Amino acid sequence: MTEYEYRLPQERRIATEFPGPKSAALAQRRAKVVGAGVASTLPLYVADADGGVIVDVDGNSLIDLGAGIAVTTVGASNPAVVSAVQNQVAHFTHTCFMIAPYEGYIEVAEKLAELTPGEHEKRSVLFNSGAEAVENAVKIARHATGRDAVIVFDHAYHGRTNLTMALTAKSMPYKHGFGPFAPEVYRAPMSYPFREGLNADGSAITGAQAAARAISVIEKQVGADSVAAVLIEPIQGEGGFIVPAEGFLPALAEWAKSNGVVFIADEVQSGFTRTGAWFASEHDGIVPDLVTTAKGIAGGMPLAAVTGRADLIDAVHPGGLGGTYGGNPVSCAAALASIEQMETLDLNSRARRIEETVTARLTALSKEVDIIGEVRGRGAMLAVELVVSGGREPNPDATKAIAARALKDGVVVLTCGTYGNVIRLLPPLVISDALLDEALTVLEDSIRTVAQEN
């Protein structure tokens, strides 16, 4: 990464217990007016954030290894993004692209055509959130193919709207009590190397074998001629940062192509330099028909997109896609500045450097403690799966305890996984080496302490 100028001191500083008095007062105000269904991971309230730190209203400075769930890739107050937003706000905040269009939307679509996998002619449509992008990708696939069925996978997460809840695998907290859900959604088995069984000869199940298993389920239970789309996260996010075995994604993509099925890569969490490539699909050499993006695209401003084959997207009639705020001009300005920063700072290389640092240290730790089942991920999308001592049984209690201890010592880490037993690391890619090393030391100490208690 080239030189980055931080606005706030990049330091871990504990000024009060959590929550401090000002955060506690805000929590009381919140309880009176904010719906209980909206939960927050941290007990503190943010006053400022920059680079790799979050500063709360009580003056605590925490090291951020969450990046707002992979959103603030270029930092939470990147000066280039701030400047672009301020400039756009000074001119106009909204006209609705469907009413009075503007250049920023076109510029974002041009960058998406340039950066997403494949050299084919592409189109993009902009939206507000990842769930909205996924829902519209399904709409496009169904319209273009004239088919209804959508294939998703075990451990998948695709959003919280009615359709995307149906696409999502995990019940609590995402689906419980919110049905009935949208029909014509079918679930196939995922490649999850750490939790796969073995072949009869004791060898590991390969990606090709896992794909054949999934394809068999699809063909027997749905039928290829009924399938509009196969929708998959190249690296699963909420399900546990699961990286499928080599060969799994290419085999699925080839099956889809051979059967006229639209292959949709959900890159909402894994896109925009997060994995050390612009998109996680690149690691497996696949070219999706459609790519959904959000999160890291716009430096913290709400923006999402569906990008893909021109013939698919242009098959939809005029007026069939859109939304009042989709491609908001302020968000487009933020996206263009964020992408420029990713290029200028070479954040793909930075993500790979973070991967080398984190995996080396946590892999070494896994030899010391026996509650680490696996260290996995790509780039700065990394995970530690926690297990019961000496086995493979998921250990969600240890996972919660580690995250809580790290927070007490001033480091923010997130948890995920179908079994609630995965620590996920999503640092802003502009975090300094010194701050990352300090955060890892805190995390290692937290894991050691919890391992001794188990």
Protein backbone atom coordinates (compact mmCIF):
# COMPACT_ATOMS: atom_id res chain seq x y z
CA MET A 1 0.00 0.00 0.00
CA THR A 2 1.30 3.46 -0.86
CA GLU A 3 1.51 6.10 1.87
CA TYR A 4 -1.82 6.84 3.56
CA GLU A 5 -2.34 9.91 5.75
CA TYR A 6 -4.48 9.23 8.81
CA ARG A 7 -6.66 11.90 10.40
CA LEU A 8 -6.96 10.27 13.82
CA PRO A 9 -4.20 8.75 15.95
CA GLN A 10 -3.95 5.07 15.03
CA GLU A 11 -3.88 3.75 18.56
CA ARG A 12 -5.68 1.45 20.95
CA ARG A 13 -6.80 3.46 23.94
CA ILE A 14 -9.07 2.32 26.78
CA ALA A 15 -10.43 5.32 28.69
CA THR A 16 -13.46 3.74 30.37
CA GLU A 17 -15.16 0.42 30.88
CA PHE A 18 -17.62 -0.59 28.15
CA PRO A 19 -20.08 0.96 27.99
CA GLY A 20 -18.75 4.28 29.25
CA PRO A 21 -21.15 6.80 30.82
CA LYS A 22 -22.00 8.59 27.57
CA SER A 23 -22.61 5.32 25.72
CA ALA A 24 -24.75 4.10 28.61
CA ALA A 25 -26.85 7.25 28.42
CA LEU A 26 -27.32 6.77 24.67
CA ALA A 27 -28.36 3.16 25.28
CA GLN A 28 -31.10 4.38 27.61
CA ARG A 29 -32.35 6.85 25.02
CA ARG A 30 -32.22 4.16 22.35
CA ALA A 31 -34.32 1.73 24.36
CA LYS A 32 -37.18 4.24 24.40
CA VAL A 33 -37.32 4.89 20.64
CA VAL A 34 -35.44 2.21 18.60
CA GLY A 35 -37.08 -1.12 17.83
CA ALA A 36 -35.76 -4.04 19.86
CA GLY A 37 -35.41 -6.12 16.68
CA VAL A 38 -32.39 -4.02 15.67
CA ALA A 39 -29.45 -5.41 17.63
CA SER A 40 -25.91 -4.03 17.91
CA THR A 41 -22.75 -6.03 18.48
CA LEU A 42 -20.93 -3.37 20.50
CA PRO A 43 -22.23 -1.74 23.71
CA LEU A 44 -20.63 1.58 22.78
CA TYR A 45 -21.59 4.45 20.49
CA VAL A 46 -19.29 5.85 17.82
CA ALA A 47 -18.14 9.46 17.66
CA ASP A 48 -15.42 9.16 15.00
CA ALA A 49 -13.59 6.60 12.85
CA ASP A 50 -10.58 6.69 10.57
CA GLY A 51 -8.11 4.21 9.11
CA GLY A 52 -8.09 1.23 11.45
CA VAL A 53 -9.71 2.79 14.53
CA ILE A 54 -13.18 3.52 15.90
CA VAL A 55 -13.46 6.20 18.62
CA ASP A 56 -16.49 6.14 20.89
CA VAL A 57 -18.31 8.99 22.63
CA ASP A 58 -16.38 8.31 25.85
CA GLY A 59 -12.97 8.67 24.21
CA ASN A 60 -12.10 4.99 23.81
CA SER A 61 -10.17 4.17 20.64
CA LEU A 62 -10.66 0.61 19.40
CA ILE A 63 -8.85 -1.27 16.65
CA ASP A 64 -11.40 -2.14 13.99
CA LEU A 65 -11.20 -5.62 12.45
CA GLY A 66 -14.79 -5.50 11.16
CA ALA A 67 -14.94 -2.53 8.77
CA GLY A 68 -18.72 -2.25 9.20
CA ILE A 69 -19.01 -5.81 7.80
CA ALA A 70 -16.57 -5.29 4.91
CA VAL A 71 -17.94 -1.86 3.98
CA THR A 72 -15.21 0.63 4.94
CA THR A 73 -12.51 -1.04 2.87
CA VAL A 74 -10.83 2.31 2.12
CA GLY A 75 -11.41 3.59 5.67
CA ALA A 76 -14.43 5.11 7.37
CA SER A 77 -13.46 8.69 6.52
CA ASN A 78 -11.14 8.37 3.55
CA PRO A 79 -10.30 11.96 2.52
CA ALA A 80 -10.84 11.28 -1.18
CA VAL A 81 -14.31 9.87 -0.48
CA VAL A 82 -15.14 12.71 1.90
CA SER A 83 -14.12 15.28 -0.71
CA ALA A 84 -16.12 13.60 -3.47
CA VAL A 85 -19.24 13.43 -1.28
CA GLN A 86 -18.91 17.05 -0.19
CA ASN A 87 -18.50 18.20 -3.77
CA GLN A 88 -21.54 16.26 -4.97
CA VAL A 89 -23.73 17.39 -2.06
CA ALA A 90 -22.90 21.00 -2.88
CA HIS A 91 -24.43 20.51 -6.35
CA PHE A 92 -27.40 18.17 -5.89
CA THR A 93 -28.28 15.30 -3.58
CA HIS A 94 -30.99 13.63 -5.66
CA THR A 95 -32.99 13.85 -8.85
CA CYS A 96 -33.85 10.13 -9.31
CA PHE A 97 -31.99 8.61 -12.24
CA MET A 98 -35.28 7.29 -13.62
CA ILE A 99 -36.53 10.88 -13.88
CA ALA A 100 -33.55 13.14 -14.49
CA PRO A 101 -30.35 11.12 -15.12
CA TYR A 102 -26.76 12.21 -14.45
CA GLU A 103 -23.21 11.26 -15.40
CA GLY A 104 -22.14 9.69 -12.10
CA TYR A 105 -24.44 6.68 -12.58
CA ILE A 106 -22.96 6.09 -16.03
CA GLU A 107 -19.41 6.42 -14.72
CA VAL A 108 -20.04 3.81 -12.03
CA ALA A 109 -21.52 1.44 -14.64
CA GLU A 110 -18.45 1.98 -16.83
CA LYS A 111 -16.11 1.08 -13.96
CA LEU A 112 -18.17 -2.02 -13.15
CA ALA A 113 -17.97 -3.15 -16.77
CA GLU A 114 -14.21 -2.68 -16.65
CA LEU A 115 -13.55 -4.40 -13.31
CA THR A 116 -15.96 -7.35 -13.15
CA PRO A 117 -14.74 -10.67 -14.60
CA GLY A 118 -15.01 -11.26 -18.36
CA GLU A 119 -14.45 -9.25 -21.52
CA HIS A 120 -18.02 -9.59 -22.82
CA GLU A 121 -20.39 -6.66 -23.29
CA LYS A 122 -21.93 -5.75 -19.94
CA ARG A 123 -24.67 -3.67 -18.43
CA SER A 124 -25.26 -2.53 -14.84
CA VAL A 125 -28.26 -1.45 -12.82
CA LEU A 126 -27.69 0.34 -9.50
CA PHE A 127 -29.59 -0.17 -6.27
CA ASN A 128 -29.25 0.59 -2.54
CA SER A 129 -28.36 -2.64 -0.72
CA GLY A 130 -26.96 -6.09 -1.31
CA ALA A 131 -30.34 -7.73 -0.73
CA GLU A 132 -31.90 -5.45 -3.33
CA ALA A 133 -29.17 -6.32 -5.83
CA VAL A 134 -29.64 -10.06 -5.27
CA GLU A 135 -33.40 -9.80 -5.60
CA ASN A 136 -33.07 -7.94 -8.88
CA ALA A 137 -30.50 -10.40 -10.21
CA VAL A 138 -33.07 -13.15 -9.66
CA LYS A 139 -35.70 -11.03 -11.42
CA ILE A 140 -33.39 -10.59 -14.40
CA ALA A 141 -32.56 -14.30 -14.57
CA ARG A 142 -36.21 -15.32 -14.43
CA HIS A 143 -37.24 -12.78 -17.04
CA ALA A 144 -34.42 -13.68 -19.43
CA THR A 145 -34.86 -17.47 -19.16
CA GLY A 146 -38.61 -17.74 -18.71
CA ARG A 147 -37.95 -20.18 -15.85
CA ASP A 148 -38.80 -19.95 -12.15
CA ALA A 149 -36.51 -22.10 -10.00
CA VAL A 150 -33.50 -20.63 -8.19
CA ILE A 151 -30.76 -22.83 -6.71
CA VAL A 152 -28.97 -21.70 -3.56
CA PHE A 153 -26.69 -23.53 -1.14
CA ASP A 154 -26.33 -24.69 2.43
CA HIS A 155 -24.87 -21.99 4.72
CA ALA A 156 -25.81 -19.22 2.26
CA TYR A 157 -26.70 -15.66 3.24
CA HIS A 158 -28.27 -13.35 0.67
CA GLY A 159 -30.30 -10.78 2.62
CA ARG A 160 -33.37 -9.94 4.70
CA THR A 161 -36.13 -9.15 2.19
CA ASN A 162 -38.82 -11.79 1.68
CA LEU A 163 -37.16 -13.32 -1.36
CA THR A 164 -33.63 -13.08 0.02
CA MET A 165 -34.73 -14.61 3.33
CA ALA A 166 -35.93 -17.58 1.27
CA LEU A 167 -32.51 -17.67 -0.38
CA THR A 168 -30.71 -17.48 2.98
CA ALA A 169 -30.06 -20.76 4.80
CA LYS A 170 -29.90 -19.81 8.48
CA SER A 171 -33.12 -19.47 10.46
CA MET A 172 -32.07 -17.45 13.53
CA PRO A 173 -31.95 -14.53 13.50
CA TYR A 174 -32.69 -13.96 9.82
CA LYS A 175 -35.82 -15.98 9.04
CA HIS A 176 -37.47 -17.11 12.27
CA GLY A 177 -41.07 -15.95 12.48
CA PHE A 178 -41.06 -14.03 9.19
CA GLY A 179 -42.57 -16.58 6.78
CA PRO A 180 -44.13 -17.63 4.52
CA PHE A 181 -41.29 -17.08 2.10
CA ALA A 182 -41.05 -16.72 -1.66
CA PRO A 183 -41.50 -20.01 -3.56
CA GLU A 184 -39.37 -21.82 -6.17
CA VAL A 185 -36.16 -21.66 -4.13
CA TYR A 186 -34.20 -24.92 -3.80
CA ARG A 187 -31.15 -25.64 -1.67
CA ALA A 188 -28.18 -27.76 -2.74
CA PRO A 189 -25.24 -29.03 -0.64
CA MET A 190 -22.23 -26.74 -0.39
CA SER A 191 -18.55 -27.62 -0.53
CA TYR A 192 -17.36 -27.05 3.05
CA PRO A 193 -13.91 -28.69 3.19
CA PHE A 194 -13.46 -28.53 6.97
CA ARG A 195 -16.79 -30.29 7.57
CA GLU A 196 -16.87 -32.67 4.60
CA GLY A 197 -16.82 -36.40 5.07
CA LEU A 198 -14.24 -38.59 3.35
CA ASN A 199 -14.32 -40.93 0.40
CA ALA A 200 -14.33 -44.68 1.06
CA ASP A 201 -10.57 -44.79 0.58
CA GLY A 202 -10.06 -42.07 3.19
CA SER A 203 -9.24 -39.33 0.70
CA ALA A 204 -10.78 -35.86 0.93
CA ILE A 205 -13.86 -35.07 -1.14
CA THR A 206 -12.72 -32.90 -4.03
CA GLY A 207 -14.37 -29.82 -5.40
CA ALA A 208 -15.41 -31.72 -8.50
CA GLN A 209 -17.02 -34.44 -6.37
CA ALA A 210 -18.84 -31.87 -4.24
CA ALA A 211 -20.10 -30.17 -7.41
CA ALA A 212 -21.30 -33.49 -8.83
CA ARG A 213 -23.19 -34.09 -5.58
CA ALA A 214 -24.87 -30.68 -5.80
CA ILE A 215 -25.69 -31.09 -9.49
CA SER A 216 -27.24 -34.49 -8.80
CA VAL A 217 -29.53 -32.93 -6.20
CA ILE A 218 -30.50 -30.15 -8.62
CA GLU A 219 -31.24 -32.47 -11.52
CA LYS A 220 -33.19 -34.97 -9.43
CA GLN A 221 -35.18 -32.57 -7.30
CA VAL A 222 -35.71 -29.65 -9.68
CA GLY A 223 -34.65 -30.51 -13.22
CA ALA A 224 -32.23 -28.44 -15.27
CA ASP A 225 -34.94 -27.20 -17.62
CA SER A 226 -36.77 -25.53 -14.71
CA VAL A 227 -33.78 -23.67 -13.28
CA ALA A 228 -33.49 -19.95 -13.98
CA ALA A 229 -30.38 -19.33 -11.88
CA VAL A 230 -27.70 -20.79 -9.68
CA LEU A 231 -26.88 -18.21 -7.00
CA ILE A 232 -23.77 -18.58 -4.87
CA GLU A 233 -21.27 -16.60 -2.81
CA PRO A 234 -17.77 -17.47 -4.15
CA ILE A 235 -16.70 -17.27 -0.51
CA GLN A 236 -19.64 -17.62 1.82
CA GLY A 237 -19.95 -14.77 4.29
CA GLU A 238 -22.39 -15.09 7.18
CA GLY A 239 -22.27 -18.89 6.78
CA GLY A 240 -18.70 -18.93 8.07
CA PHE A 241 -16.30 -17.55 5.43
CA ILE A 242 -16.39 -20.92 3.73
CA VAL A 243 -13.98 -21.27 0.81
CA PRO A 244 -15.20 -24.12 -1.40
CA ALA A 245 -12.77 -26.80 -2.52
CA GLU A 246 -10.85 -26.12 -5.71
CA GLY A 247 -12.90 -27.07 -8.76
CA PHE A 248 -16.32 -26.69 -7.11
CA LEU A 249 -17.27 -23.32 -8.58
CA PRO A 250 -15.93 -23.97 -12.10
CA ALA A 251 -17.90 -27.22 -12.31
CA LEU A 252 -21.10 -25.48 -11.25
CA ALA A 253 -20.51 -22.64 -13.69
CA GLU A 254 -19.92 -25.08 -16.54
CA TRP A 255 -23.09 -27.02 -15.69
CA ALA A 256 -25.06 -23.78 -15.67
CA LYS A 257 -23.67 -22.72 -19.04
CA SER A 258 -24.42 -26.10 -20.58
CA ASN A 259 -28.03 -25.96 -19.41
CA GLY A 260 -28.93 -22.35 -20.16
CA VAL A 261 -28.93 -21.46 -16.45
CA VAL A 262 -27.84 -18.00 -15.31
CA PHE A 263 -24.84 -18.23 -12.95
CA ILE A 264 -25.03 -15.42 -10.37
CA ALA A 265 -22.04 -14.65 -8.14
CA ASP A 266 -23.06 -12.87 -4.95
CA GLU A 267 -19.97 -10.72 -4.35
CA VAL A 268 -21.65 -8.37 -1.90
CA GLN A 269 -19.19 -9.17 0.90
CA SER A 270 -16.27 -10.54 -1.12
CA GLY A 271 -16.01 -7.87 -3.83
CA PHE A 272 -13.83 -4.82 -4.37
CA THR A 273 -10.32 -5.92 -3.36
CA ARG A 274 -11.50 -7.63 -0.16
CA THR A 275 -9.98 -11.02 -1.12
CA GLY A 276 -6.85 -9.74 -2.86
CA ALA A 277 -8.57 -9.60 -6.25
CA TRP A 278 -11.25 -7.23 -7.45
CA PHE A 279 -13.73 -10.08 -7.11
CA ALA A 280 -13.47 -13.46 -5.39
CA SER A 281 -14.68 -15.18 -8.58
CA GLU A 282 -11.29 -14.42 -10.11
CA HIS A 283 -9.53 -16.83 -7.73
CA ASP A 284 -11.44 -19.72 -9.33
CA GLY A 285 -11.17 -18.43 -12.89
CA ILE A 286 -14.94 -18.19 -13.35
CA VAL A 287 -16.85 -15.54 -15.30
CA PRO A 288 -20.34 -15.19 -13.82
CA ASP A 289 -23.29 -14.23 -16.00
CA LEU A 290 -24.35 -11.73 -13.32
CA VAL A 291 -22.44 -10.29 -10.35
CA THR A 292 -24.11 -8.61 -7.39
CA THR A 293 -22.14 -6.03 -5.42
CA ALA A 294 -22.63 -3.64 -2.49
CA LYS A 295 -20.79 -3.15 0.85
CA GLY A 296 -17.24 -2.11 -0.13
CA ILE A 297 -18.28 -0.40 -3.35
CA ALA A 298 -18.83 3.12 -1.99
CA GLY A 299 -16.76 3.74 1.13
CA GLY A 300 -19.72 3.53 3.50
CA MET A 301 -22.40 5.17 1.36
CA PRO A 302 -25.41 3.01 0.37
CA LEU A 303 -24.96 1.63 -3.14
CA ALA A 304 -25.36 -1.75 -4.81
CA ALA A 305 -25.31 -3.11 -8.33
CA VAL A 306 -26.15 -5.95 -10.66
CA THR A 307 -23.58 -6.20 -13.43
CA GLY A 308 -23.45 -8.77 -16.18
CA ARG A 309 -24.20 -9.96 -19.66
CA ALA A 310 -25.83 -7.28 -21.76
CA ASP A 311 -28.26 -9.73 -23.38
CA LEU A 312 -29.60 -10.82 -19.99
CA ILE A 313 -30.02 -7.40 -18.43
CA ASP A 314 -31.30 -5.76 -21.61
CA ALA A 315 -33.95 -8.48 -21.92
CA VAL A 316 -35.92 -6.71 -19.19
CA HIS A 317 -38.49 -4.21 -20.50
CA PRO A 318 -37.94 -0.46 -19.84
CA GLY A 319 -39.24 0.42 -16.39
CA GLY A 320 -38.89 -3.13 -15.13
CA LEU A 321 -35.80 -2.31 -13.04
CA GLY A 322 -34.97 0.65 -10.85
CA GLY A 323 -36.01 2.43 -7.68
CA THR A 324 -36.25 5.95 -6.31
CA TYR A 325 -32.83 6.03 -4.66
CA GLY A 326 -31.00 3.48 -6.84
CA GLY A 327 -27.69 4.96 -7.96
CA ASN A 328 -28.06 8.07 -5.80
CA PRO A 329 -25.62 10.74 -7.07
CA VAL A 330 -23.87 11.13 -3.69
CA SER A 331 -23.35 7.38 -3.43
CA CYS A 332 -22.07 7.26 -7.02
CA ALA A 333 -19.53 10.00 -6.24
CA ALA A 334 -18.40 8.03 -3.19
CA ALA A 335 -18.08 4.85 -5.25
CA LEU A 336 -15.94 6.48 -7.92
CA ALA A 337 -13.64 7.93 -5.26
CA SER A 338 -13.47 4.61 -3.40
CA ILE A 339 -12.56 2.66 -6.53
CA GLU A 340 -9.93 5.26 -7.40
CA GLN A 341 -8.44 4.81 -3.92
CA MET A 342 -8.42 1.02 -4.32
CA GLU A 343 -6.43 1.46 -7.51
CA THR A 344 -4.09 4.20 -6.26
CA LEU A 345 -3.33 2.47 -2.96
CA ASP A 346 -3.11 -0.96 -4.66
CA LEU A 347 -5.45 -2.49 -2.11
CA ASN A 348 -5.45 -5.87 -3.84
CA SER A 349 -1.79 -6.22 -2.90
CA ARG A 350 -2.54 -4.86 0.55
CA ALA A 351 -5.23 -7.51 1.08
CA ARG A 352 -2.78 -10.24 0.10
CA ARG A 353 -0.20 -8.82 2.53
CA ILE A 354 -2.80 -8.86 5.32
CA GLU A 355 -3.58 -12.49 4.46
CA GLU A 356 0.08 -13.47 4.77
CA THR A 357 0.44 -11.74 8.13
CA VAL A 358 -2.79 -12.99 9.70
CA THR A 359 -2.68 -16.58 8.46
CA ALA A 360 0.97 -17.04 9.49
CA ARG A 361 0.27 -15.92 13.04
CA LEU A 362 -3.04 -17.69 13.55
CA THR A 363 -1.84 -20.91 11.92
CA ALA A 364 1.11 -20.92 14.33
CA LEU A 365 -1.33 -20.37 17.20
CA SER A 366 -3.46 -23.31 16.03
CA LYS A 367 -0.52 -25.59 16.79
CA GLU A 368 -0.42 -24.23 20.32
CA VAL A 369 -4.12 -24.41 21.27
CA ASP A 370 -6.57 -27.15 20.35
CA ILE A 371 -9.77 -25.13 20.00
CA ILE A 372 -8.82 -23.76 16.57
CA GLY A 373 -10.29 -26.11 14.00
CA GLU A 374 -9.27 -24.18 10.91
CA VAL A 375 -7.81 -20.87 9.77
CA ARG A 376 -9.14 -20.00 6.31
CA GLY A 377 -10.09 -17.28 3.87
CA ARG A 378 -8.57 -15.11 1.19
CA GLY A 379 -7.05 -11.66 1.32
CA ALA A 380 -8.54 -9.66 4.17
CA MET A 381 -11.61 -11.91 4.38
CA LEU A 382 -10.29 -14.35 6.96
CA ALA A 383 -11.76 -16.64 9.59
CA VAL A 384 -10.95 -18.84 12.55
CA GLU A 385 -13.35 -21.74 13.15
CA LEU A 386 -13.51 -22.67 16.84
CA VAL A 387 -14.15 -26.23 17.98
CA VAL A 388 -14.50 -28.13 21.23
CA SER A 389 -11.06 -29.05 22.52
CA GLY A 390 -9.47 -31.83 20.49
CA GLY A 391 -12.37 -32.42 18.09
CA ARG A 392 -14.53 -30.84 15.40
CA GLU A 393 -17.69 -30.09 17.32
CA PRO A 394 -18.58 -26.40 16.88
CA ASN A 395 -17.74 -24.24 19.89
CA PRO A 396 -19.97 -21.13 19.83
CA ASP A 397 -19.40 -20.45 23.54
CA ALA A 398 -15.66 -20.08 23.05
CA THR A 399 -16.29 -17.91 19.99
CA LYS A 400 -18.44 -15.48 21.97
CA ALA A 401 -15.97 -15.44 24.84
CA ILE A 402 -13.04 -14.66 22.53
CA ALA A 403 -14.89 -11.80 20.83
CA ALA A 404 -15.93 -10.38 24.22
CA ARG A 405 -12.41 -10.58 25.64
CA ALA A 406 -10.93 -8.95 22.55
CA LEU A 407 -13.45 -6.12 22.84
CA LYS A 408 -12.62 -5.62 26.52
CA ASP A 409 -9.01 -5.14 25.43
CA GLY A 410 -9.95 -2.70 22.67
CA VAL A 411 -10.20 -4.83 19.51
CA VAL A 412 -13.39 -5.26 17.50
CA VAL A 413 -13.86 -8.68 15.89
CA LEU A 414 -17.05 -10.11 14.38
CA THR A 415 -18.51 -13.58 14.62
CA CYS A 416 -20.44 -15.61 12.05
CA GLY A 417 -21.12 -19.17 10.90
CA THR A 418 -24.09 -21.47 10.65
CA TYR A 419 -23.04 -22.88 14.03
CA GLY A 420 -22.02 -19.53 15.53
CA ASN A 421 -18.44 -20.71 15.94
CA VAL A 422 -16.42 -18.56 13.56
CA ILE A 423 -14.39 -15.41 14.27
CA ARG A 424 -14.21 -13.37 11.09
CA LEU A 425 -11.61 -10.73 10.35
CA LEU A 426 -12.47 -7.94 7.92
CA PRO A 427 -10.05 -5.10 8.66
CA PRO A 428 -10.13 -1.91 6.63
CA LEU A 429 -7.43 -2.40 4.01
CA VAL A 430 -5.85 0.92 4.98
CA ILE A 431 -5.05 -0.35 8.49
CA SER A 432 -1.37 0.10 9.34
CA ASP A 433 0.95 -2.86 9.86
CA ALA A 434 1.66 -1.76 13.43
CA LEU A 435 -2.03 -1.54 14.32
CA LEU A 436 -2.79 -4.89 12.69
CA ASP A 437 0.04 -6.55 14.59
CA GLU A 438 -1.22 -5.09 17.86
CA ALA A 439 -4.76 -6.30 17.15
CA LEU A 440 -3.52 -9.80 16.37
CA THR A 441 -1.59 -9.90 19.63
CA VAL A 442 -4.79 -9.05 21.51
CA LEU A 443 -6.74 -11.67 19.56
CA GLU A 444 -4.08 -14.33 20.17
CA ASP A 445 -4.10 -13.60 23.89
CA SER A 446 -7.90 -13.81 23.92
CA ILE A 447 -7.83 -17.20 22.19
CA ARG A 448 -5.14 -18.53 24.52
CA THR A 449 -7.05 -17.41 27.60
CA VAL A 450 -10.34 -18.92 26.46
CA ALA A 451 -8.57 -22.15 25.39
CA GLN A 452 -7.16 -22.51 28.91
CA GLU A 453 -10.62 -22.00 30.39
CA ASN A 454 -12.13 -24.69 28.14
